[in-house]
Amino acid sequence: MHARGRRLLGALVLLVAARAHAQSSVTCGPAVAGCGPGSIGGGTGTLQPSWVSAVLAAWMLDETSGTRVNLQGTTSRDLATLDTSDPASSTDRQEGARSISITAAQSRHTTDTFPGLVSPQSMGCWVKMAANPTASAAFLMHHYQDGVAGTTKLARGTSGSYTFTSYDTGAAAEVVASPSTYPNNVWTHVVGTLISSGPLLLYINGAQVASGTMTTAAASANPIYVSDNFTFSGLIDECWVVNLQLSAASVCRICSCGIRGEQCTCNGTAFATTGRNASACGACTLPADCSAAAPS
């Protein structure tokens, strides 16, 4: 083949490869890793269904001040009660318009005591630590007091790991901790799930990183707290609680697409990422059915 023919053939091969890559970025899924940040802003189909109505409460934390409203509209589950001064807000957020900006010691909590949040249960948030804490810094809690049966919390440890802790009927702490450390000043999605006498699991950025065994989970008629009114300083966004032990696929979907589903589109059963979560949640596998109306 003469030189001109080889050049034309090479150009044709590159064109076909480029078109194939562009097609895969639109129809990627069901694994987020198959999508990746390259498809942010793309995607076809309809938005994911919201899962807000299927959880006990969800707080988007987009308010600039005052009460942080439960998205379901149940006012007793608004974060209406504050400790010390009212936390500020920030446009540095992972989802939505804003996040809540916490400095030690601040927190907000509900008036609803969530007596039904016993077993199973799951809770999660996006969190961005401002600096290394001097003690374990909790950022989402059912009750606030260590050593009390039924207290459950997500926290950041002094070493840079994350922990999920639940105190059983004997007020003994059942704890799982991430084996890796995570940098400050970076948005990280943290989820804990448990079932009584079953698995106690911790997920970071959509992927399971630690597991343990829960003893007998305890009932606890106490509020939900965002921050710990003690040592936590940083940003918190998009928190939720649910009386299910979520599957790994459902945790991945919340991380990747948001509790409202606004960061993914659904085309048949294929996901396409349309938001900024894809780069953080790229190592987990989404549910097989992207049209599911509720988590499982």
Protein backbone atom coordinates (compact mmCIF):
# COMPACT_ATOMS: atom_id res chain seq x y z
CA MET A 1 0.00 0.00 0.00
CA HIS A 2 1.36 3.44 -0.91
CA ALA A 3 1.94 6.16 1.75
CA ARG A 4 -1.26 8.10 1.01
CA GLY A 5 -3.39 4.98 1.40
CA ARG A 6 -1.78 4.14 4.73
CA ARG A 7 -2.49 7.65 6.02
CA LEU A 8 -6.15 7.42 4.99
CA LEU A 9 -6.52 4.00 6.63
CA GLY A 10 -4.94 5.27 9.87
CA ALA A 11 -7.28 8.28 9.97
CA LEU A 12 -10.29 5.99 9.46
CA VAL A 13 -9.23 3.74 12.38
CA LEU A 14 -8.85 6.76 14.69
CA LEU A 15 -12.29 8.08 13.65
CA VAL A 16 -14.00 4.74 14.37
CA ALA A 17 -12.27 4.50 17.77
CA ALA A 18 -13.28 8.03 18.71
CA ARG A 19 -16.92 7.36 17.81
CA ALA A 20 -16.91 4.15 19.84
CA HIS A 21 -15.52 5.98 22.86
CA ALA A 22 -18.10 8.75 22.57
CA GLN A 23 -20.92 6.19 22.37
CA SER A 24 -19.69 4.32 25.47
CA SER A 25 -19.58 7.55 27.50
CA VAL A 26 -23.32 8.03 26.92
CA THR A 27 -24.57 4.48 27.41
CA CYS A 28 -22.17 3.50 30.19
CA GLY A 29 -23.35 1.42 33.11
CA PRO A 30 -24.38 -0.40 35.16
CA ALA A 31 -20.99 -0.04 36.89
CA VAL A 32 -19.93 3.50 37.79
CA ALA A 33 -16.36 2.51 37.04
CA GLY A 34 -17.49 2.06 33.45
CA CYS A 35 -18.79 5.62 33.42
CA GLY A 36 -16.27 7.64 35.33
CA PRO A 37 -15.90 11.40 35.39
CA GLY A 38 -15.54 11.49 31.61
CA SER A 39 -19.31 11.28 31.23
CA ILE A 40 -20.16 14.11 33.62
CA GLY A 41 -22.49 16.48 31.86
CA GLY A 42 -23.51 13.84 29.34
CA GLY A 43 -26.05 11.08 29.42
CA THR A 44 -29.47 10.50 27.92
CA GLY A 45 -32.78 9.29 29.27
CA THR A 46 -34.76 10.42 32.31
CA LEU A 47 -33.48 11.47 35.72
CA GLN A 48 -33.19 8.78 38.36
CA PRO A 49 -36.23 8.47 40.64
CA SER A 50 -35.82 10.19 43.99
CA TRP A 51 -35.47 7.93 47.03
CA VAL A 52 -36.34 10.65 49.54
CA SER A 53 -39.87 9.35 50.22
CA ALA A 54 -38.48 5.86 51.01
CA VAL A 55 -36.14 6.97 53.82
CA LEU A 56 -36.96 8.17 57.35
CA ALA A 57 -35.47 11.61 56.76
CA ALA A 58 -33.13 13.43 54.40
CA TRP A 59 -31.50 16.81 54.85
CA MET A 60 -29.97 18.51 51.82
CA LEU A 61 -28.56 21.30 54.05
CA ASP A 62 -29.01 23.94 51.34
CA GLU A 63 -30.47 26.56 53.73
CA THR A 64 -28.29 29.57 54.42
CA SER A 65 -29.22 29.74 58.14
CA GLY A 66 -31.78 28.71 60.72
CA THR A 67 -33.67 25.42 60.55
CA ARG A 68 -32.29 22.83 58.16
CA VAL A 69 -35.39 21.28 56.67
CA ASN A 70 -36.17 17.59 56.29
CA LEU A 71 -36.89 17.13 52.60
CA GLN A 72 -39.90 14.92 53.31
CA GLY A 73 -41.71 17.86 54.90
CA THR A 74 -42.07 16.29 58.37
CA THR A 75 -41.30 19.29 60.55
CA SER A 76 -40.49 17.24 63.68
CA ARG A 77 -37.60 15.84 61.66
CA ASP A 78 -36.25 19.25 60.69
CA LEU A 79 -32.86 20.05 62.20
CA ALA A 80 -34.57 22.81 64.15
CA THR A 81 -32.74 22.65 67.47
CA LEU A 82 -29.26 24.10 67.73
CA ASP A 83 -26.47 23.75 70.24
CA THR A 84 -24.50 26.93 71.01
CA SER A 85 -24.49 29.14 67.89
CA ASP A 86 -26.15 28.43 64.56
CA PRO A 87 -23.81 26.78 62.03
CA ALA A 88 -23.16 28.80 58.91
CA SER A 89 -23.49 27.55 55.34
CA SER A 90 -21.10 27.37 52.42
CA THR A 91 -21.28 27.29 48.65
CA ASP A 92 -18.47 24.73 48.82
CA ARG A 93 -20.79 21.75 48.54
CA GLN A 94 -20.95 18.29 47.01
CA GLU A 95 -24.58 18.43 45.88
CA GLY A 96 -27.31 21.03 45.70
CA ALA A 97 -26.74 24.70 46.36
CA ARG A 98 -24.91 24.74 49.70
CA SER A 99 -23.54 22.69 52.58
CA ILE A 100 -23.65 23.26 56.34
CA SER A 101 -20.43 24.70 57.79
CA ILE A 102 -19.62 23.50 61.32
CA THR A 103 -17.06 24.79 63.76
CA ALA A 104 -16.45 23.13 67.13
CA ALA A 105 -18.62 23.26 69.09
CA GLN A 106 -21.81 23.42 67.03
CA SER A 107 -24.55 21.02 65.98
CA ARG A 108 -28.19 20.83 65.03
CA HIS A 109 -30.67 18.11 65.88
CA THR A 110 -34.27 17.06 65.43
CA THR A 111 -37.12 17.17 67.92
CA ASP A 112 -38.28 13.78 66.62
CA THR A 113 -36.77 11.04 68.80
CA PHE A 114 -36.72 8.30 66.10
CA PRO A 115 -37.68 5.43 68.40
CA GLY A 116 -38.11 3.13 65.40
CA LEU A 117 -34.48 3.47 64.27
CA VAL A 118 -33.30 0.22 65.88
CA SER A 119 -32.53 -2.57 63.42
CA PRO A 120 -31.94 -2.61 60.58
CA GLN A 121 -30.64 0.90 59.97
CA SER A 122 -28.40 2.89 57.64
CA MET A 123 -27.16 6.48 57.70
CA GLY A 124 -24.85 8.57 55.57
CA CYS A 125 -23.47 11.99 54.61
CA TRP A 126 -20.93 13.76 52.48
CA VAL A 127 -18.27 15.22 54.78
CA LYS A 128 -15.25 17.47 54.29
CA MET A 129 -13.00 17.80 57.33
CA ALA A 130 -11.44 21.21 57.89
CA ALA A 131 -8.45 20.02 59.92
CA ASN A 132 -7.16 17.04 61.84
CA PRO A 133 -9.38 16.58 64.88
CA THR A 134 -7.86 16.27 68.31
CA ALA A 135 -10.41 13.58 69.19
CA SER A 136 -12.89 11.40 67.37
CA ALA A 137 -15.21 13.86 65.64
CA ALA A 138 -18.73 12.58 65.00
CA PHE A 139 -20.73 14.19 62.21
CA LEU A 140 -23.99 12.17 62.12
CA MET A 141 -25.46 10.57 65.24
CA HIS A 142 -28.59 8.92 66.58
CA HIS A 143 -28.24 10.20 70.14
CA TYR A 144 -24.94 11.77 71.20
CA GLN A 145 -23.66 9.94 74.25
CA ASP A 146 -21.03 7.22 74.15
CA GLY A 147 -21.67 4.22 76.37
CA VAL A 148 -25.46 4.43 76.08
CA ALA A 149 -27.43 1.59 74.50
CA GLY A 150 -28.82 2.58 71.10
CA THR A 151 -26.38 5.39 70.32
CA THR A 152 -25.18 5.07 66.70
CA LYS A 153 -22.74 7.40 64.99
CA LEU A 154 -20.49 8.07 62.03
CA ALA A 155 -17.21 9.73 62.98
CA ARG A 156 -13.79 10.73 61.76
CA GLY A 157 -10.89 9.45 63.86
CA THR A 158 -7.71 11.31 64.71
CA SER A 159 -5.69 9.04 62.41
CA GLY A 160 -7.67 10.04 59.31
CA SER A 161 -9.86 6.94 59.26
CA TYR A 162 -13.66 6.87 59.43
CA THR A 163 -15.68 4.81 61.92
CA PHE A 164 -19.22 3.52 62.35
CA THR A 165 -20.17 2.75 65.95
CA SER A 166 -23.31 1.30 67.52
CA TYR A 167 -23.83 0.64 71.23
CA ASP A 168 -25.71 -2.62 71.84
CA THR A 169 -28.26 -3.55 74.51
CA GLY A 170 -25.41 -3.93 77.01
CA ALA A 171 -24.07 -0.45 76.11
CA ALA A 172 -20.97 -2.06 74.59
CA ALA A 173 -19.51 -0.37 71.52
CA GLU A 174 -19.52 -2.32 68.27
CA VAL A 175 -17.15 -0.48 65.92
CA VAL A 176 -15.90 -0.81 62.37
CA ALA A 177 -13.12 1.46 61.07
CA SER A 178 -11.76 2.10 57.62
CA PRO A 179 -8.34 0.48 57.13
CA SER A 180 -7.16 3.42 55.06
CA THR A 181 -6.80 7.07 55.96
CA TYR A 182 -8.46 9.84 54.00
CA PRO A 183 -7.23 13.39 53.42
CA ASN A 184 -8.77 16.45 55.00
CA ASN A 185 -10.35 19.14 52.86
CA VAL A 186 -11.71 16.57 50.38
CA TRP A 187 -15.39 15.65 50.05
CA THR A 188 -15.92 12.03 51.13
CA HIS A 189 -19.13 10.00 51.18
CA VAL A 190 -19.50 7.94 54.38
CA VAL A 191 -22.25 5.40 55.09
CA GLY A 192 -22.83 2.93 57.93
CA THR A 193 -25.33 0.06 57.90
CA LEU A 194 -26.26 -2.52 60.51
CA ILE A 195 -28.70 -5.27 61.39
CA SER A 196 -29.10 -6.77 64.86
CA SER A 197 -26.99 -9.93 65.27
CA GLY A 198 -25.77 -9.45 61.71
CA PRO A 199 -23.30 -7.39 59.68
CA LEU A 200 -22.06 -3.95 60.74
CA LEU A 201 -20.69 -2.33 57.57
CA LEU A 202 -18.85 0.85 56.61
CA TYR A 203 -18.81 2.30 53.09
CA ILE A 204 -16.53 5.06 51.81
CA ASN A 205 -17.27 6.72 48.46
CA GLY A 206 -19.80 4.01 47.65
CA ALA A 207 -17.55 1.01 48.29
CA GLN A 208 -17.53 -1.24 51.37
CA VAL A 209 -14.25 -0.81 53.26
CA ALA A 210 -14.87 -2.50 56.64
CA SER A 211 -17.18 -5.07 58.20
CA GLY A 212 -17.93 -6.49 61.62
CA THR A 213 -20.70 -8.28 63.49
CA MET A 214 -23.40 -6.37 65.32
CA THR A 215 -24.54 -7.85 68.62
CA THR A 216 -28.12 -7.13 69.75
CA ALA A 217 -29.11 -3.66 68.57
CA ALA A 218 -30.87 -1.45 71.13
CA ALA A 219 -33.88 0.81 70.79
CA SER A 220 -33.14 4.47 71.50
CA ALA A 221 -35.78 7.21 71.49
CA ASN A 222 -33.38 10.05 70.71
CA PRO A 223 -32.88 12.78 68.10
CA ILE A 224 -30.65 12.72 65.04
CA TYR A 225 -27.68 15.08 65.36
CA VAL A 226 -25.67 16.64 62.54
CA SER A 227 -22.21 17.31 64.04
CA ASP A 228 -21.25 16.53 67.62
CA ASN A 229 -21.27 19.90 69.42
CA PHE A 230 -17.75 19.06 70.51
CA THR A 231 -14.75 18.63 68.21
CA PHE A 232 -16.04 18.44 64.62
CA SER A 233 -15.05 21.26 62.26
CA GLY A 234 -15.75 21.11 58.55
CA LEU A 235 -18.51 20.87 55.96
CA ILE A 236 -21.41 18.39 55.87
CA ASP A 237 -23.81 17.80 52.98
CA GLU A 238 -26.72 15.55 51.97
CA CYS A 239 -27.44 13.51 55.13
CA TRP A 240 -30.09 10.80 55.45
CA VAL A 241 -31.24 7.94 57.70
CA VAL A 242 -33.30 4.88 56.81
CA ASN A 243 -34.62 1.83 58.67
CA LEU A 244 -33.09 -0.63 56.20
CA GLN A 245 -29.70 -2.25 55.94
CA LEU A 246 -28.99 -0.97 52.46
CA SER A 247 -27.38 -3.23 49.91
CA ALA A 248 -24.00 -2.33 48.47
CA ALA A 249 -25.71 -1.44 45.18
CA SER A 250 -28.11 0.97 46.90
CA VAL A 251 -25.25 2.66 48.78
CA CYS A 252 -23.42 3.04 45.48
CA ARG A 253 -26.48 4.57 43.84
CA ILE A 254 -26.92 7.14 46.64
CA CYS A 255 -23.22 8.05 46.44
CA SER A 256 -23.14 8.23 42.65
CA CYS A 257 -26.55 9.71 41.88
CA GLY A 258 -27.61 11.46 45.10
CA ILE A 259 -30.53 10.62 47.40
CA ARG A 260 -32.71 12.63 44.99
CA GLY A 261 -31.28 10.86 41.95
CA GLU A 262 -30.48 14.15 40.27
CA GLN A 263 -26.92 13.28 39.29
CA CYS A 264 -27.70 10.32 37.03
CA THR A 265 -30.01 9.60 34.14
CA CYS A 266 -31.66 6.27 33.45
CA ASN A 267 -31.90 4.95 29.89
CA GLY A 268 -33.57 1.55 29.98
CA THR A 269 -31.51 -0.10 32.70
CA ALA A 270 -28.29 1.77 31.91
CA PHE A 271 -26.95 4.58 34.08
CA ALA A 272 -25.22 7.67 32.79
CA THR A 273 -23.64 10.10 35.21
CA THR A 274 -24.57 13.74 34.88
CA GLY A 275 -23.13 15.21 38.07
CA ARG A 276 -19.95 15.74 40.03
CA ASN A 277 -20.25 12.60 42.18
CA ALA A 278 -18.93 10.31 39.45
CA SER A 279 -15.28 11.08 40.12
CA ALA A 280 -15.63 10.29 43.85
CA CYS A 281 -17.87 7.23 43.52
CA GLY A 282 -16.13 5.48 40.65
CA ALA A 283 -15.18 2.20 42.34
CA CYS A 284 -18.59 0.74 43.22
CA THR A 285 -21.29 -1.07 41.25
CA LEU A 286 -24.73 0.43 40.75
CA PRO A 287 -28.00 -1.53 40.97
CA ALA A 288 -28.98 -3.59 37.95
CA ASP A 289 -32.23 -1.60 37.63
CA CYS A 290 -31.69 2.13 37.43
CA SER A 291 -35.44 2.82 37.54
CA ALA A 292 -35.96 1.45 41.09
CA ALA A 293 -38.28 3.70 43.07
CA ALA A 294 -36.81 2.81 46.48
CA PRO A 295 -33.56 1.55 47.98
CA SER A 296 -33.16 -2.05 49.05
